[in-house]
Protein backbone atom coordinates (compact mmCIF):
# COMPACT_ATOMS: atom_id res chain seq x y z
CA MET A 1 65.97 121.82 8.84
CA ILE A 2 62.79 123.40 10.18
CA LEU A 3 63.20 126.58 12.20
CA LYS A 4 62.60 126.26 15.93
CA VAL A 5 61.20 128.55 18.61
CA GLY A 6 63.89 131.10 19.53
CA ASP A 7 65.58 131.03 16.12
CA ASN A 8 66.03 134.29 14.26
CA ALA A 9 63.60 134.38 11.36
CA PRO A 10 65.62 134.36 8.14
CA GLU A 11 65.63 137.54 6.11
CA PHE A 12 63.86 137.44 2.77
CA THR A 13 62.35 139.66 0.11
CA LEU A 14 59.56 138.39 -2.14
CA GLN A 15 56.98 139.88 -4.47
CA ASP A 16 53.32 139.97 -3.50
CA GLN A 17 50.21 139.47 -5.60
CA ASN A 18 50.59 143.01 -6.99
CA GLY A 19 54.28 142.68 -7.86
CA ASP A 20 55.37 144.80 -4.86
CA SER A 21 58.36 143.61 -2.83
CA HIS A 22 58.18 142.84 0.89
CA THR A 23 61.21 142.33 3.14
CA LEU A 24 60.64 140.57 6.44
CA SER A 25 62.85 142.92 8.50
CA ASP A 26 60.64 145.86 7.46
CA TYR A 27 58.02 144.45 9.84
CA LYS A 28 60.19 144.27 12.98
CA GLY A 29 58.34 145.78 15.89
CA GLN A 30 55.14 143.83 15.23
CA TRP A 31 53.96 140.23 15.13
CA VAL A 32 54.26 138.50 11.76
CA LEU A 33 52.50 135.29 10.78
CA VAL A 34 54.34 133.56 7.94
CA TYR A 35 52.17 130.73 6.74
CA PHE A 36 53.34 128.34 4.06
CA TYR A 37 50.86 126.47 1.92
CA PRO A 38 51.19 124.14 -1.08
CA ARG A 39 49.08 125.75 -3.85
CA ASP A 40 46.53 128.47 -4.59
CA ASN A 41 42.98 127.32 -5.29
CA THR A 42 43.32 123.85 -3.73
CA PRO A 43 40.73 122.80 -1.13
CA GLY A 44 42.85 122.91 2.04
CA CYS A 45 44.70 126.05 1.01
CA THR A 46 41.45 127.83 0.21
CA ILE A 47 39.91 126.87 3.57
CA GLU A 48 43.00 128.12 5.41
CA ALA A 49 43.16 131.41 3.47
CA CYS A 50 39.44 132.08 3.89
CA GLY A 51 39.70 131.37 7.62
CA ILE A 52 42.43 133.98 7.94
CA ARG A 53 40.38 136.36 5.75
CA ASP A 54 37.32 135.94 7.95
CA HIS A 55 39.36 136.79 11.07
CA TYR A 56 41.55 139.44 9.46
CA PRO A 57 40.06 142.40 11.36
CA GLU A 58 41.15 140.66 14.57
CA PHE A 59 44.66 140.13 13.18
CA GLU A 60 44.80 143.86 12.40
CA LYS A 61 43.58 144.73 15.89
CA LEU A 62 46.41 142.62 17.34
CA ASP A 63 48.90 144.29 14.92
CA VAL A 64 49.77 140.99 13.21
CA LYS A 65 51.11 141.20 9.65
CA VAL A 66 50.07 138.12 7.66
CA PHE A 67 52.14 136.67 4.83
CA GLY A 68 50.94 133.60 2.97
CA ILE A 69 53.78 132.04 0.99
CA SER A 70 53.67 129.40 -1.73
CA THR A 71 55.75 128.64 -4.80
CA ASP A 72 52.93 129.88 -7.05
CA THR A 73 53.49 132.89 -9.31
CA VAL A 74 52.53 136.51 -8.67
CA LYS A 75 49.78 136.14 -11.28
CA LYS A 76 48.32 133.02 -9.62
CA HIS A 77 48.38 134.83 -6.28
CA ALA A 78 46.58 137.82 -7.80
CA ASN A 79 43.84 135.55 -9.12
CA PHE A 80 43.53 133.74 -5.76
CA VAL A 81 43.30 137.05 -3.86
CA LYS A 82 40.67 138.38 -6.25
CA LYS A 83 38.59 135.18 -6.31
CA TYR A 84 38.36 134.93 -2.50
CA ASP A 85 38.68 138.63 -1.59
CA LEU A 86 41.76 138.03 0.55
CA PRO A 87 42.79 141.19 2.46
CA PHE A 88 46.31 140.03 3.37
CA THR A 89 49.57 139.60 1.49
CA LEU A 90 50.47 136.51 -0.53
CA LEU A 91 54.13 136.18 -1.49
CA ALA A 92 55.47 134.30 -4.51
CA ASP A 93 58.46 132.09 -3.75
CA VAL A 94 58.84 130.76 -7.29
CA ASP A 95 62.55 129.97 -6.82
CA GLN A 96 61.81 128.03 -3.60
CA GLU A 97 64.38 130.05 -1.65
CA VAL A 98 62.22 130.99 1.34
CA VAL A 99 60.57 127.57 1.69
CA GLU A 100 64.11 126.18 1.90
CA LEU A 101 65.21 128.83 4.46
CA PHE A 102 62.30 127.96 6.76
CA GLY A 103 62.73 124.21 6.21
CA VAL A 104 59.25 123.58 4.80
CA TRP A 105 60.31 122.28 1.36
CA GLY A 106 60.65 118.54 1.24
CA LEU A 107 59.38 115.13 0.25
CA LYS A 108 55.62 114.76 0.29
CA LYS A 109 53.31 111.82 -0.28
CA PHE A 110 49.85 112.04 -1.81
CA MET A 111 47.75 109.15 -3.07
CA GLY A 112 50.78 106.87 -3.25
CA LEU A 113 52.90 109.40 -5.13
CA LYS A 114 56.09 110.90 -3.74
CA PHE A 115 57.17 114.38 -4.82
CA MET A 116 58.94 117.49 -3.58
CA GLY A 117 56.71 120.30 -2.36
CA THR A 118 55.81 122.80 0.33
CA HIS A 119 54.65 121.43 3.66
CA ARG A 120 51.74 123.30 5.25
CA MET A 121 53.39 124.99 8.23
CA SER A 122 53.29 128.39 9.89
CA PHE A 123 55.68 130.48 11.93
CA LEU A 124 54.68 133.22 14.34
CA ILE A 125 57.48 135.76 14.53
CA ASP A 126 57.71 138.22 17.40
CA ALA A 127 58.50 141.91 17.30
CA LYS A 128 62.24 141.21 17.67
CA GLY A 129 62.30 138.93 14.62
CA LYS A 130 62.50 135.67 16.54
CA VAL A 131 60.33 132.61 15.96
CA ALA A 132 57.83 132.59 18.83
CA LYS A 133 55.76 129.58 17.71
CA VAL A 134 56.00 126.89 15.04
CA TYR A 135 52.80 125.29 13.75
CA GLU A 136 53.91 121.98 12.25
CA LYS A 137 50.49 120.35 12.09
CA VAL A 138 48.21 123.09 10.77
CA LYS A 139 44.49 122.41 11.05
CA VAL A 140 43.18 124.61 8.23
CA LYS A 141 39.69 125.19 9.68
CA VAL A 142 40.92 126.55 13.03
CA HIS A 143 44.39 127.89 12.25
CA ALA A 144 43.42 131.58 12.37
CA GLU A 145 41.81 131.23 15.81
CA GLU A 146 44.79 129.25 17.12
CA VAL A 147 47.27 131.93 16.02
CA MET A 148 45.20 134.76 17.50
CA ALA A 149 44.89 132.93 20.83
CA ASP A 150 48.67 132.45 20.89
CA VAL A 151 49.37 136.13 20.11
CA LYS A 152 46.99 137.23 22.88
CA ALA A 153 48.58 134.82 25.36
CA MET A 154 52.13 135.90 24.46
CA ASP A 155 51.16 139.59 24.59
CA ASN A 156 49.75 139.04 28.10
CA GLU A 157 52.96 137.31 29.18
CA ASN A 158 54.95 140.37 28.13
CA LEU A 159 52.81 142.90 30.06
């Protein structure tokens, strides 16, 4: 079941591209974008990651921690980060625990084939650890701008 707005974001700890562990609750007090993507170095995933990279200074200015999560390995993430100079954290969910917790693991169809995999979805988590926005239909070319606009709008609502 996919998380909904208002749900508590589930706690998790995963390793990043450098082998360092990150626990979601360590980032309470700031916005966190958790974006799930199918695979490193695939066309859509690369476009999405590079879009976030290109807008990363704005994410930092808004105090948004970015976590990209796929079921790829730490080593694959390290190569992806290096190849595209990604300044944010990629987390390796090789045991598919976090994709299950967020409800993004499921049946997919591609070119007539059916298989289990990660659905491209994102979750914006507020400073209290609650899901503030769910992006079920991510448009990879404009996702970064969409998230930043939502953070700005939600920050203004809370002033």
